[in-house]
Amino acid sequence: MYHFGDGTKIPNPSRAQCRIEFAEGRLISECVTSRGRDRIVSVYRVTGPGTYESEVIENKNFPDVIGARVRGEFRVDNGKLFTTVYPPVAKGSAARSPIKIEAVWVRE
């Protein structure tokens, strides 16, 4: 679910099919959307119970967010990973940028 600053909420607005991988301090998110493949690579560290912070190190579609820090929350319940992230707003797109993204991930 994408949450926007004006209070609107949209479930998966791009109808993206996504996968995420956490491994040894690196987080890789890949989504296939109508515009093609989006790949974001970040380094991350757990900052406390159920919280983490990441820094974007690769994003070819939005290079202006490289170096941006993102804080997130996570929990595992019934074999599913629930995440909530608070992404940085890309320059020039504040009106259409989400301020919070909630997702549920299921192991393949």
C-alpha atoms as a PDB file:
ATOM      1  CA  MET A   1       0.000   0.000   0.000  1.00  0.00           C
ATOM      2  CA  TYR A   2       1.388   3.388  -1.006  1.00  0.00           C
ATOM      3  CA  HIS A   3       0.552   6.328   1.263  1.00  0.00           C
ATOM      4  CA  PHE A   4       0.858   9.876  -0.114  1.00  0.00           C
ATOM      5  CA  GLY A   5       1.250  13.195   1.676  1.00  0.00           C
ATOM      6  CA  ASP A   6      -2.271  14.303   0.762  1.00  0.00           C
ATOM      7  CA  GLY A   7      -3.771  11.317   2.604  1.00  0.00           C
ATOM      8  CA  THR A   8      -4.521   9.157  -0.437  1.00  0.00           C
ATOM      9  CA  LYS A   9      -3.663   5.451  -0.389  1.00  0.00           C
ATOM     10  CA  ILE A  10      -3.135   3.304  -3.458  1.00  0.00           C
ATOM     11  CA  PRO A  11      -2.518  -0.465  -3.464  1.00  0.00           C
ATOM     12  CA  ASN A  12       0.423  -1.267  -5.795  1.00  0.00           C
ATOM     13  CA  PRO A  13      -0.130   1.671  -8.198  1.00  0.00           C
ATOM     14  CA  SER A  14       2.190   0.334 -10.912  1.00  0.00           C
ATOM     15  CA  ARG A  15       0.907  -3.249 -10.597  1.00  0.00           C
ATOM     16  CA  ALA A  16       4.532  -4.206 -10.181  1.00  0.00           C
ATOM     17  CA  GLN A  17       5.692  -7.755  -9.641  1.00  0.00           C
ATOM     18  CA  CYS A  18       8.535  -7.435  -7.146  1.00  0.00           C
ATOM     19  CA  ARG A  19      11.101  -9.492  -5.307  1.00  0.00           C
ATOM     20  CA  ILE A  20      13.421  -8.466  -2.507  1.00  0.00           C
ATOM     21  CA  GLU A  21      16.590 -10.069  -1.240  1.00  0.00           C
ATOM     22  CA  PHE A  22      18.327  -9.383   2.076  1.00  0.00           C
ATOM     23  CA  ALA A  23      21.861 -10.777   2.285  1.00  0.00           C
ATOM     24  CA  GLU A  24      24.936  -9.816   4.316  1.00  0.00           C
ATOM     25  CA  GLY A  25      24.071  -6.147   4.747  1.00  0.00           C
ATOM     26  CA  ARG A  26      22.843  -5.680   1.188  1.00  0.00           C
ATOM     27  CA  LEU A  27      19.233  -5.281   0.079  1.00  0.00           C
ATOM     28  CA  ILE A  28      18.273  -5.756  -3.575  1.00  0.00           C
ATOM     29  CA  SER A  29      14.787  -4.872  -4.758  1.00  0.00           C
ATOM     30  CA  GLU A  30      13.727  -5.736  -8.300  1.00  0.00           C
ATOM     31  CA  CYS A  31      10.346  -4.941  -9.793  1.00  0.00           C
ATOM     32  CA  VAL A  32       8.915  -5.430 -13.260  1.00  0.00           C
ATOM     33  CA  THR A  33       6.554  -2.614 -14.206  1.00  0.00           C
ATOM     34  CA  SER A  34       4.988  -1.300 -17.391  1.00  0.00           C
ATOM     35  CA  ARG A  35       8.141   0.796 -17.967  1.00  0.00           C
ATOM     36  CA  GLY A  36      10.454  -2.193 -17.572  1.00  0.00           C
ATOM     37  CA  ARG A  37      12.683  -3.515 -14.811  1.00  0.00           C
ATOM     38  CA  ASP A  38      13.466  -1.367 -11.787  1.00  0.00           C
ATOM     39  CA  ARG A  39      16.412  -2.442  -9.641  1.00  0.00           C
ATOM     40  CA  ILE A  40      17.432  -0.721  -6.425  1.00  0.00           C
ATOM     41  CA  VAL A  41      20.463  -1.812  -4.428  1.00  0.00           C
ATOM     42  CA  SER A  42      21.020  -0.602  -0.878  1.00  0.00           C
ATOM     43  CA  VAL A  43      23.270  -1.351   2.048  1.00  0.00           C
ATOM     44  CA  TYR A  44      21.433  -1.774   5.333  1.00  0.00           C
ATOM     45  CA  ARG A  45      21.893  -2.295   9.037  1.00  0.00           C
ATOM     46  CA  VAL A  46      19.449  -3.354  11.723  1.00  0.00           C
ATOM     47  CA  THR A  47      19.097  -0.433  14.156  1.00  0.00           C
ATOM     48  CA  GLY A  48      16.920  -2.099  16.787  1.00  0.00           C
ATOM     49  CA  PRO A  49      14.181  -4.681  17.215  1.00  0.00           C
ATOM     50  CA  GLY A  50      12.059  -4.537  14.066  1.00  0.00           C
ATOM     51  CA  THR A  51      13.839  -1.508  12.569  1.00  0.00           C
ATOM     52  CA  TYR A  52      16.544  -0.944   9.979  1.00  0.00           C
ATOM     53  CA  GLU A  53      18.170   1.839   8.030  1.00  0.00           C
ATOM     54  CA  SER A  54      19.352   1.554   4.462  1.00  0.00           C
ATOM     55  CA  GLU A  55      21.267   3.712   2.013  1.00  0.00           C
ATOM     56  CA  VAL A  56      20.633   3.538  -1.736  1.00  0.00           C
ATOM     57  CA  ILE A  57      23.828   2.714  -3.659  1.00  0.00           C
ATOM     58  CA  GLU A  58      22.307   1.892  -7.063  1.00  0.00           C
ATOM     59  CA  ASN A  59      19.169   3.063  -8.842  1.00  0.00           C
ATOM     60  CA  LYS A  60      19.512   3.514 -12.616  1.00  0.00           C
ATOM     61  CA  ASN A  61      15.975   4.847 -13.096  1.00  0.00           C
ATOM     62  CA  PHE A  62      16.255   7.503 -10.359  1.00  0.00           C
ATOM     63  CA  PRO A  63      19.969   8.277  -9.876  1.00  0.00           C
ATOM     64  CA  ASP A  64      19.174  11.373  -7.790  1.00  0.00           C
ATOM     65  CA  VAL A  65      18.194   9.125  -4.856  1.00  0.00           C
ATOM     66  CA  ILE A  66      21.625   7.462  -4.675  1.00  0.00           C
ATOM     67  CA  GLY A  67      22.985   8.167  -1.219  1.00  0.00           C
ATOM     68  CA  ALA A  68      19.503   8.646   0.231  1.00  0.00           C
ATOM     69  CA  ARG A  69      18.894   7.030   3.588  1.00  0.00           C
ATOM     70  CA  VAL A  70      15.670   5.153   4.199  1.00  0.00           C
ATOM     71  CA  ARG A  71      14.347   3.987   7.530  1.00  0.00           C
ATOM     72  CA  GLY A  72      12.169   0.948   7.691  1.00  0.00           C
ATOM     73  CA  GLU A  73      10.292  -1.350  10.002  1.00  0.00           C
ATOM     74  CA  PHE A  74       9.837  -5.103   9.655  1.00  0.00           C
ATOM     75  CA  ARG A  75       8.230  -8.101  11.283  1.00  0.00           C
ATOM     76  CA  VAL A  76       7.809 -11.757  10.412  1.00  0.00           C
ATOM     77  CA  ASP A  77       4.459 -13.425  11.016  1.00  0.00           C
ATOM     78  CA  ASN A  78       3.229 -16.804   9.719  1.00  0.00           C
ATOM     79  CA  GLY A  79       6.168 -17.071   7.320  1.00  0.00           C
ATOM     80  CA  LYS A  80       5.517 -13.649   5.762  1.00  0.00           C
ATOM     81  CA  LEU A  81       7.765 -10.585   5.968  1.00  0.00           C
ATOM     82  CA  PHE A  82       5.878  -7.344   6.586  1.00  0.00           C
ATOM     83  CA  THR A  83       7.800  -4.152   5.781  1.00  0.00           C
ATOM     84  CA  THR A  84       7.047  -0.470   6.101  1.00  0.00           C
ATOM     85  CA  VAL A  85       9.476   2.004   4.530  1.00  0.00           C
ATOM     86  CA  TYR A  86       9.568   5.774   4.475  1.00  0.00           C
ATOM     87  CA  PRO A  87      11.249   6.556   1.120  1.00  0.00           C
ATOM     88  CA  PRO A  88      13.035   9.758   0.171  1.00  0.00           C
ATOM     89  CA  VAL A  89      11.127  12.055  -2.150  1.00  0.00           C
ATOM     90  CA  ALA A  90      12.723  12.367  -5.599  1.00  0.00           C
ATOM     91  CA  LYS A  91      13.470  15.946  -6.587  1.00  0.00           C
ATOM     92  CA  GLY A  92      10.681  17.542  -8.602  1.00  0.00           C
ATOM     93  CA  SER A  93       8.172  14.790  -7.827  1.00  0.00           C
ATOM     94  CA  ALA A  94       6.992  15.562  -4.284  1.00  0.00           C
ATOM     95  CA  ALA A  95       3.327  15.684  -5.299  1.00  0.00           C
ATOM     96  CA  ARG A  96       3.372  12.123  -6.628  1.00  0.00           C
ATOM     97  CA  SER A  97       5.939  10.514  -4.317  1.00  0.00           C
ATOM     98  CA  PRO A  98       4.810   8.167  -1.562  1.00  0.00           C
ATOM     99  CA  ILE A  99       5.710   9.028   2.018  1.00  0.00           C
ATOM    100  CA  LYS A 100       5.170   5.466   3.286  1.00  0.00           C
ATOM    101  CA  ILE A 101       5.059   2.075   1.556  1.00  0.00           C
ATOM    102  CA  GLU A 102       3.726  -1.052   3.248  1.00  0.00           C
ATOM    103  CA  ALA A 103       4.402  -4.454   1.721  1.00  0.00           C
ATOM    104  CA  VAL A 104       4.000  -8.139   2.461  1.00  0.00           C
ATOM    105  CA  TRP A 105       6.632 -10.523   1.129  1.00  0.00           C
ATOM    106  CA  VAL A 106       6.326 -14.301   0.763  1.00  0.00           C
ATOM    107  CA  ARG A 107       9.341 -16.595   0.380  1.00  0.00           C
ATOM    108  CA  GLU A 108       9.591 -18.253  -3.034  1.00  0.00           C
END
